[in-house]
Amino acid sequence: MKLTEINLLGIYVAPIALIMAAAWSLFVIFRRATDRFNLLRHVWHPALFELSVYIIFIYCVTLLITGWRS
């Protein structure tokens, strides 16, 4: 799939905005799970860890949308 602008009710939206929204929803689920089981106490720098996980989610969503081809 080619990443082109998406028309939402007459407004063109960059595909990265939708990818980031999808990654954010995955991140919220991840964040709730880590809070519930108190897993961030094992991490040296929780904010840096969460940023890294969010970037990984963005990368995974992008790979899923584009079809895993290089």
PDB file of N, CA and C in Angstrom:
ATOM      1  N   MET A   1       0.836  -1.174   0.000  1.00  0.00           N
ATOM      2  CA  MET A   1       0.000   0.000   0.000  1.00  0.00           C
ATOM      3  C   MET A   1       0.883   1.240   0.000  1.00  0.00           C
ATOM      4  N   LYS A   2       0.504   2.194  -0.797  1.00  0.00           N
ATOM      5  CA  LYS A   2       1.251   3.438  -0.865  1.00  0.00           C
ATOM      6  C   LYS A   2       0.691   4.412   0.174  1.00  0.00           C
ATOM      7  N   LEU A   3       1.584   5.069   0.868  1.00  0.00           N
ATOM      8  CA  LEU A   3       1.155   6.010   1.899  1.00  0.00           C
ATOM      9  C   LEU A   3       0.859   7.359   1.241  1.00  0.00           C
ATOM     10  N   THR A   4      -0.415   7.609   0.997  1.00  0.00           N
ATOM     11  CA  THR A   4      -0.848   8.877   0.417  1.00  0.00           C
ATOM     12  C   THR A   4      -1.825   9.541   1.367  1.00  0.00           C
ATOM     13  N   GLU A   5      -2.135  10.790   1.072  1.00  0.00           N
ATOM     14  CA  GLU A   5      -3.065  11.529   1.929  1.00  0.00           C
ATOM     15  C   GLU A   5      -4.444  10.869   1.899  1.00  0.00           C
ATOM     16  N   ILE A   6      -5.122  10.930   3.023  1.00  0.00           N
ATOM     17  CA  ILE A   6      -6.431  10.299   3.178  1.00  0.00           C
ATOM     18  C   ILE A   6      -7.473  11.396   3.332  1.00  0.00           C
ATOM     19  N   ASN A   7      -8.559  11.264   2.586  1.00  0.00           N
ATOM     20  CA  ASN A   7      -9.621  12.259   2.611  1.00  0.00           C
ATOM     21  C   ASN A   7     -10.648  11.865   3.679  1.00  0.00           C
ATOM     22  N   LEU A   8     -10.723  12.665   4.741  1.00  0.00           N
ATOM     23  CA  LEU A   8     -11.708  12.447   5.807  1.00  0.00           C
ATOM     24  C   LEU A   8     -12.677  13.616   5.807  1.00  0.00           C
ATOM     25  N   LEU A   9     -13.847  13.404   5.243  1.00  0.00           N
ATOM     26  CA  LEU A   9     -14.902  14.413   5.186  1.00  0.00           C
ATOM     27  C   LEU A   9     -14.406  15.724   4.556  1.00  0.00           C
ATOM     28  N   GLY A  10     -13.633  15.603   3.500  1.00  0.00           N
ATOM     29  CA  GLY A  10     -13.153  16.776   2.791  1.00  0.00           C
ATOM     30  C   GLY A  10     -11.868  17.357   3.319  1.00  0.00           C
ATOM     31  N   ILE A  11     -11.304  16.772   4.359  1.00  0.00           N
ATOM     32  CA  ILE A  11     -10.045  17.246   4.923  1.00  0.00           C
ATOM     33  C   ILE A  11      -8.984  16.191   4.643  1.00  0.00           C
ATOM     34  N   TYR A  12      -7.915  16.605   4.010  1.00  0.00           N
ATOM     35  CA  TYR A  12      -6.831  15.676   3.718  1.00  0.00           C
ATOM     36  C   TYR A  12      -5.938  15.535   4.939  1.00  0.00           C
ATOM     37  N   VAL A  13      -5.722  14.299   5.336  1.00  0.00           N
ATOM     38  CA  VAL A  13      -4.944  13.992   6.534  1.00  0.00           C
ATOM     39  C   VAL A  13      -3.723  13.183   6.108  1.00  0.00           C
ATOM     40  N   ALA A  14      -2.578  13.549   6.647  1.00  0.00           N
ATOM     41  CA  ALA A  14      -1.358  12.791   6.381  1.00  0.00           C
ATOM     42  C   ALA A  14      -1.477  11.402   7.002  1.00  0.00           C
ATOM     43  N   PRO A  15      -0.979  10.387   6.336  1.00  0.00           N
ATOM     44  CA  PRO A  15      -1.109   9.027   6.877  1.00  0.00           C
ATOM     45  C   PRO A  15      -0.382   8.839   8.205  1.00  0.00           C
ATOM     46  N   ILE A  16       0.657   9.614   8.455  1.00  0.00           N
ATOM     47  CA  ILE A  16       1.372   9.466   9.721  1.00  0.00           C
ATOM     48  C   ILE A  16       0.483   9.840  10.902  1.00  0.00           C
ATOM     49  N   ALA A  17      -0.467  10.740  10.697  1.00  0.00           N
ATOM     50  CA  ALA A  17      -1.366  11.120  11.783  1.00  0.00           C
ATOM     51  C   ALA A  17      -2.250   9.932  12.188  1.00  0.00           C
ATOM     52  N   LEU A  18      -2.734   9.196  11.211  1.00  0.00           N
ATOM     53  CA  LEU A  18      -3.555   8.022  11.525  1.00  0.00           C
ATOM     54  C   LEU A  18      -2.714   6.889  12.097  1.00  0.00           C
ATOM     55  N   ILE A  19      -1.482   6.768  11.605  1.00  0.00           N
ATOM     56  CA  ILE A  19      -0.580   5.746  12.141  1.00  0.00           C
ATOM     57  C   ILE A  19      -0.260   6.055  13.600  1.00  0.00           C
ATOM     58  N   MET A  20      -0.001   7.315  13.895  1.00  0.00           N
ATOM     59  CA  MET A  20       0.290   7.691  15.278  1.00  0.00           C
ATOM     60  C   MET A  20      -0.916   7.506  16.188  1.00  0.00           C
ATOM     61  N   ALA A  21      -2.117   7.736  15.671  1.00  0.00           N
ATOM     62  CA  ALA A  21      -3.321   7.515  16.473  1.00  0.00           C
ATOM     63  C   ALA A  21      -3.504   6.031  16.771  1.00  0.00           C
ATOM     64  N   ALA A  22      -3.250   5.184  15.789  1.00  0.00           N
ATOM     65  CA  ALA A  22      -3.358   3.739  16.015  1.00  0.00           C
ATOM     66  C   ALA A  22      -2.297   3.271  17.003  1.00  0.00           C
ATOM     67  N   ALA A  23      -1.084   3.787  16.874  1.00  0.00           N
ATOM     68  CA  ALA A  23      -0.011   3.421  17.807  1.00  0.00           C
ATOM     69  C   ALA A  23      -0.318   3.923  19.215  1.00  0.00           C
ATOM     70  N   TRP A  24      -0.956   5.088  19.301  1.00  0.00           N
ATOM     71  CA  TRP A  24      -1.309   5.626  20.622  1.00  0.00           C
ATOM     72  C   TRP A  24      -2.330   4.733  21.321  1.00  0.00           C
ATOM     73  N   SER A  25      -3.293   4.201  20.566  1.00  0.00           N
ATOM     74  CA  SER A  25      -4.277   3.317  21.192  1.00  0.00           C
ATOM     75  C   SER A  25      -3.614   2.037  21.687  1.00  0.00           C
ATOM     76  N   LEU A  26      -2.643   1.515  20.935  1.00  0.00           N
ATOM     77  CA  LEU A  26      -1.889   0.356  21.419  1.00  0.00           C
ATOM     78  C   LEU A  26      -1.065   0.711  22.657  1.00  0.00           C
ATOM     79  N   PHE A  27      -0.504   1.920  22.650  1.00  0.00           N
ATOM     80  CA  PHE A  27       0.308   2.366  23.772  1.00  0.00           C
ATOM     81  C   PHE A  27      -0.525   2.535  25.037  1.00  0.00           C
ATOM     82  N   VAL A  28      -1.744   3.003  24.899  1.00  0.00           N
ATOM     83  CA  VAL A  28      -2.625   3.159  26.066  1.00  0.00           C
ATOM     84  C   VAL A  28      -2.903   1.797  26.693  1.00  0.00           C
ATOM     85  N   ILE A  29      -3.145   0.805  25.866  1.00  0.00           N
ATOM     86  CA  ILE A  29      -3.364  -0.551  26.379  1.00  0.00           C
ATOM     87  C   ILE A  29      -2.105  -1.050  27.089  1.00  0.00           C
ATOM     88  N   PHE A  30      -0.945  -0.819  26.457  1.00  0.00           N
ATOM     89  CA  PHE A  30       0.324  -1.215  27.064  1.00  0.00           C
ATOM     90  C   PHE A  30       0.556  -0.500  28.394  1.00  0.00           C
ATOM     91  N   ARG A  31       0.256   0.780  28.418  1.00  0.00           N
ATOM     92  CA  ARG A  31       0.476   1.588  29.631  1.00  0.00           C
ATOM     93  C   ARG A  31      -0.404   1.104  30.782  1.00  0.00           C
ATOM     94  N   ARG A  32      -1.649   0.785  30.472  1.00  0.00           N
ATOM     95  CA  ARG A  32      -2.541   0.279  31.525  1.00  0.00           C
ATOM     96  C   ARG A  32      -2.060  -1.052  32.075  1.00  0.00           C
ATOM     97  N   ALA A  33      -1.543  -1.911  31.189  1.00  0.00           N
ATOM     98  CA  ALA A  33      -1.032  -3.209  31.645  1.00  0.00           C
ATOM     99  C   ALA A  33       0.203  -3.030  32.527  1.00  0.00           C
ATOM    100  N   THR A  34       1.097  -2.123  32.140  1.00  0.00           N
ATOM    101  CA  THR A  34       2.296  -1.912  32.966  1.00  0.00           C
ATOM    102  C   THR A  34       1.947  -1.262  34.300  1.00  0.00           C
ATOM    103  N   ASP A  35       0.942  -0.407  34.314  1.00  0.00           N
ATOM    104  CA  ASP A  35       0.513   0.188  35.585  1.00  0.00           C
ATOM    105  C   ASP A  35      -0.153  -0.848  36.484  1.00  0.00           C
ATOM    106  N   ARG A  36      -0.962  -1.699  35.875  1.00  0.00           N
ATOM    107  CA  ARG A  36      -1.688  -2.696  36.663  1.00  0.00           C
ATOM    108  C   ARG A  36      -0.725  -3.672  37.351  1.00  0.00           C
ATOM    109  N   PHE A  37       0.301  -4.099  36.632  1.00  0.00           N
ATOM    110  CA  PHE A  37       1.232  -5.072  37.180  1.00  0.00           C
ATOM    111  C   PHE A  37       2.504  -4.431  37.733  1.00  0.00           C
ATOM    112  N   ASN A  38       2.545  -3.096  37.754  1.00  0.00           N
ATOM    113  CA  ASN A  38       3.657  -2.340  38.321  1.00  0.00           C
ATOM    114  C   ASN A  38       5.006  -2.763  37.726  1.00  0.00           C
ATOM    115  N   LEU A  39       5.050  -2.862  36.388  1.00  0.00           N
ATOM    116  CA  LEU A  39       6.254  -3.321  35.708  1.00  0.00           C
ATOM    117  C   LEU A  39       7.294  -2.218  35.498  1.00  0.00           C
ATOM    118  N   LEU A  40       6.880  -0.964  35.559  1.00  0.00           N
ATOM    119  CA  LEU A  40       7.829   0.115  35.320  1.00  0.00           C
ATOM    120  C   LEU A  40       8.825   0.293  36.456  1.00  0.00           C
ATOM    121  N   ARG A  41       8.624  -0.359  37.570  1.00  0.00           N
ATOM    122  CA  ARG A  41       9.577  -0.252  38.670  1.00  0.00           C
ATOM    123  C   ARG A  41      10.871  -0.985  38.338  1.00  0.00           C
ATOM    124  N   HIS A  42      10.835  -1.845  37.301  1.00  0.00           N
ATOM    125  CA  HIS A  42      12.029  -2.583  36.882  1.00  0.00           C
ATOM    126  C   HIS A  42      12.821  -1.852  35.808  1.00  0.00           C
ATOM    127  N   VAL A  43      12.340  -0.701  35.389  1.00  0.00           N
ATOM    128  CA  VAL A  43      12.966   0.042  34.292  1.00  0.00           C
ATOM    129  C   VAL A  43      13.769   1.198  34.881  1.00  0.00           C
ATOM    130  N   TRP A  44      14.949   1.436  34.317  1.00  0.00           N
ATOM    131  CA  TRP A  44      15.812   2.493  34.830  1.00  0.00           C
ATOM    132  C   TRP A  44      15.217   3.875  34.616  1.00  0.00           C
ATOM    133  N   HIS A  45      14.711   4.149  33.408  1.00  0.00           N
ATOM    134  CA  HIS A  45      14.173   5.471  33.075  1.00  0.00           C
ATOM    135  C   HIS A  45      12.795   5.261  32.432  1.00  0.00           C
ATOM    136  N   PRO A  46      11.717   5.287  33.212  1.00  0.00           N
ATOM    137  CA  PRO A  46      10.390   4.962  32.692  1.00  0.00           C
ATOM    138  C   PRO A  46       9.935   5.829  31.519  1.00  0.00           C
ATOM    139  N   ALA A  47      10.204   7.123  31.551  1.00  0.00           N
ATOM    140  CA  ALA A  47       9.753   7.992  30.461  1.00  0.00           C
ATOM    141  C   ALA A  47      10.458   7.642  29.153  1.00  0.00           C
ATOM    142  N   LEU A  48      11.743   7.382  29.217  1.00  0.00           N
ATOM    143  CA  LEU A  48      12.498   7.002  28.030  1.00  0.00           C
ATOM    144  C   LEU A  48      12.040   5.646  27.506  1.00  0.00           C
ATOM    145  N   PHE A  49      11.752   4.735  28.410  1.00  0.00           N
ATOM    146  CA  PHE A  49      11.246   3.421  28.021  1.00  0.00           C
ATOM    147  C   PHE A  49       9.899   3.536  27.316  1.00  0.00           C
ATOM    148  N   GLU A  50       9.005   4.355  27.845  1.00  0.00           N
ATOM    149  CA  GLU A  50       7.693   4.515  27.237  1.00  0.00           C
ATOM    150  C   GLU A  50       7.788   5.175  25.866  1.00  0.00           C
ATOM    151  N   LEU A  51       8.662   6.159  25.716  1.00  0.00           N
ATOM    152  CA  LEU A  51       8.872   6.771  24.411  1.00  0.00           C
ATOM    153  C   LEU A  51       9.384   5.747  23.408  1.00  0.00           C
ATOM    154  N   SER A  52      10.301   4.913  23.826  1.00  0.00           N
ATOM    155  CA  SER A  52      10.846   3.879  22.948  1.00  0.00           C
ATOM    156  C   SER A  52       9.773   2.884  22.528  1.00  0.00           C
ATOM    157  N   VAL A  53       8.941   2.499  23.458  1.00  0.00           N
ATOM    158  CA  VAL A  53       7.867   1.558  23.140  1.00  0.00           C
ATOM    159  C   VAL A  53       6.870   2.197  22.174  1.00  0.00           C
ATOM    160  N   TYR A  54       6.561   3.468  22.357  1.00  0.00           N
ATOM    161  CA  TYR A  54       5.650   4.167  21.445  1.00  0.00           C
ATOM    162  C   TYR A  54       6.230   4.230  20.033  1.00  0.00           C
ATOM    163  N   ILE A  55       7.514   4.491  19.909  1.00  0.00           N
ATOM    164  CA  ILE A  55       8.150   4.516  18.594  1.00  0.00           C
ATOM    165  C   ILE A  55       8.137   3.124  17.962  1.00  0.00           C
ATOM    166  N   ILE A  56       8.333   2.102  18.763  1.00  0.00           N
ATOM    167  CA  ILE A  56       8.250   0.732  18.251  1.00  0.00           C
ATOM    168  C   ILE A  56       6.843   0.439  17.762  1.00  0.00           C
ATOM    169  N   PHE A  57       5.821   0.890  18.482  1.00  0.00           N
ATOM    170  CA  PHE A  57       4.437   0.703  18.028  1.00  0.00           C
ATOM    171  C   PHE A  57       4.180   1.431  16.712  1.00  0.00           C
ATOM    172  N   ILE A  58       4.708   2.632  16.562  1.00  0.00           N
ATOM    173  CA  ILE A  58       4.558   3.361  15.297  1.00  0.00           C
ATOM    174  C   ILE A  58       5.192   2.563  14.160  1.00  0.00           C
ATOM    175  N   TYR A  59       6.374   2.049  14.389  1.00  0.00           N
ATOM    176  CA  TYR A  59       7.065   1.256  13.379  1.00  0.00           C
ATOM    177  C   TYR A  59       6.263   0.003  13.007  1.00  0.00           C
ATOM    178  N   CYS A  60       5.728  -0.691  14.007  1.00  0.00           N
ATOM    179  CA  CYS A  60       4.959  -1.912  13.740  1.00  0.00           C
ATOM    180  C   CYS A  60       3.673  -1.619  12.976  1.00  0.00           C
ATOM    181  N   VAL A  61       2.980  -0.557  13.333  1.00  0.00           N
ATOM    182  CA  VAL A  61       1.752  -0.192  12.620  1.00  0.00           C
ATOM    183  C   VAL A  61       2.086   0.177  11.178  1.00  0.00           C
ATOM    184  N   THR A  62       3.176   0.893  10.970  1.00  0.00           N
ATOM    185  CA  THR A  62       3.592   1.247   9.615  1.00  0.00           C
ATOM    186  C   THR A  62       3.909   0.002   8.803  1.00  0.00           C
ATOM    187  N   LEU A  63       4.597  -0.952   9.407  1.00  0.00           N
ATOM    188  CA  LEU A  63       4.887  -2.205   8.695  1.00  0.00           C
ATOM    189  C   LEU A  63       3.616  -2.963   8.367  1.00  0.00           C
ATOM    190  N   LEU A  64       2.666  -2.978   9.279  1.00  0.00           N
ATOM    191  CA  LEU A  64       1.411  -3.677   9.010  1.00  0.00           C
ATOM    192  C   LEU A  64       0.630  -3.024   7.858  1.00  0.00           C
ATOM    193  N   ILE A  65       0.640  -1.703   7.808  1.00  0.00           N
ATOM    194  CA  ILE A  65      -0.101  -0.999   6.772  1.00  0.00           C
ATOM    195  C   ILE A  65       0.568  -1.151   5.404  1.00  0.00           C
ATOM    196  N   THR A  66       1.891  -1.061   5.360  1.00  0.00           N
ATOM    197  CA  THR A  66       2.585  -1.105   4.074  1.00  0.00           C
ATOM    198  C   THR A  66       2.804  -2.520   3.564  1.00  0.00           C
ATOM    199  N   GLY A  67       2.627  -3.511   4.363  1.00  0.00           N
ATOM    200  CA  GLY A  67       2.675  -4.881   3.899  1.00  0.00           C
ATOM    201  C   GLY A  67       3.996  -5.605   4.089  1.00  0.00           C
ATOM    202  N   TRP A  68       4.854  -5.158   4.970  1.00  0.00           N
ATOM    203  CA  TRP A  68       6.080  -5.850   5.358  1.00  0.00           C
ATOM    204  C   TRP A  68       7.110  -5.961   4.230  1.00  0.00           C
ATOM    205  N   ARG A  69       6.952  -5.260   3.125  1.00  0.00           N
ATOM    206  CA  ARG A  69       7.918  -5.358   2.036  1.00  0.00           C
ATOM    207  C   ARG A  69       9.011  -4.322   2.205  1.00  0.00           C
ATOM    208  N   SER A  70      10.199  -4.674   1.749  1.00  0.00           N
ATOM    209  CA  SER A  70      11.298  -3.707   1.817  1.00  0.00           C
ATOM    210  C   SER A  70      11.726  -3.272   0.435  1.00  0.00           C
TER     211      SER A  70
END
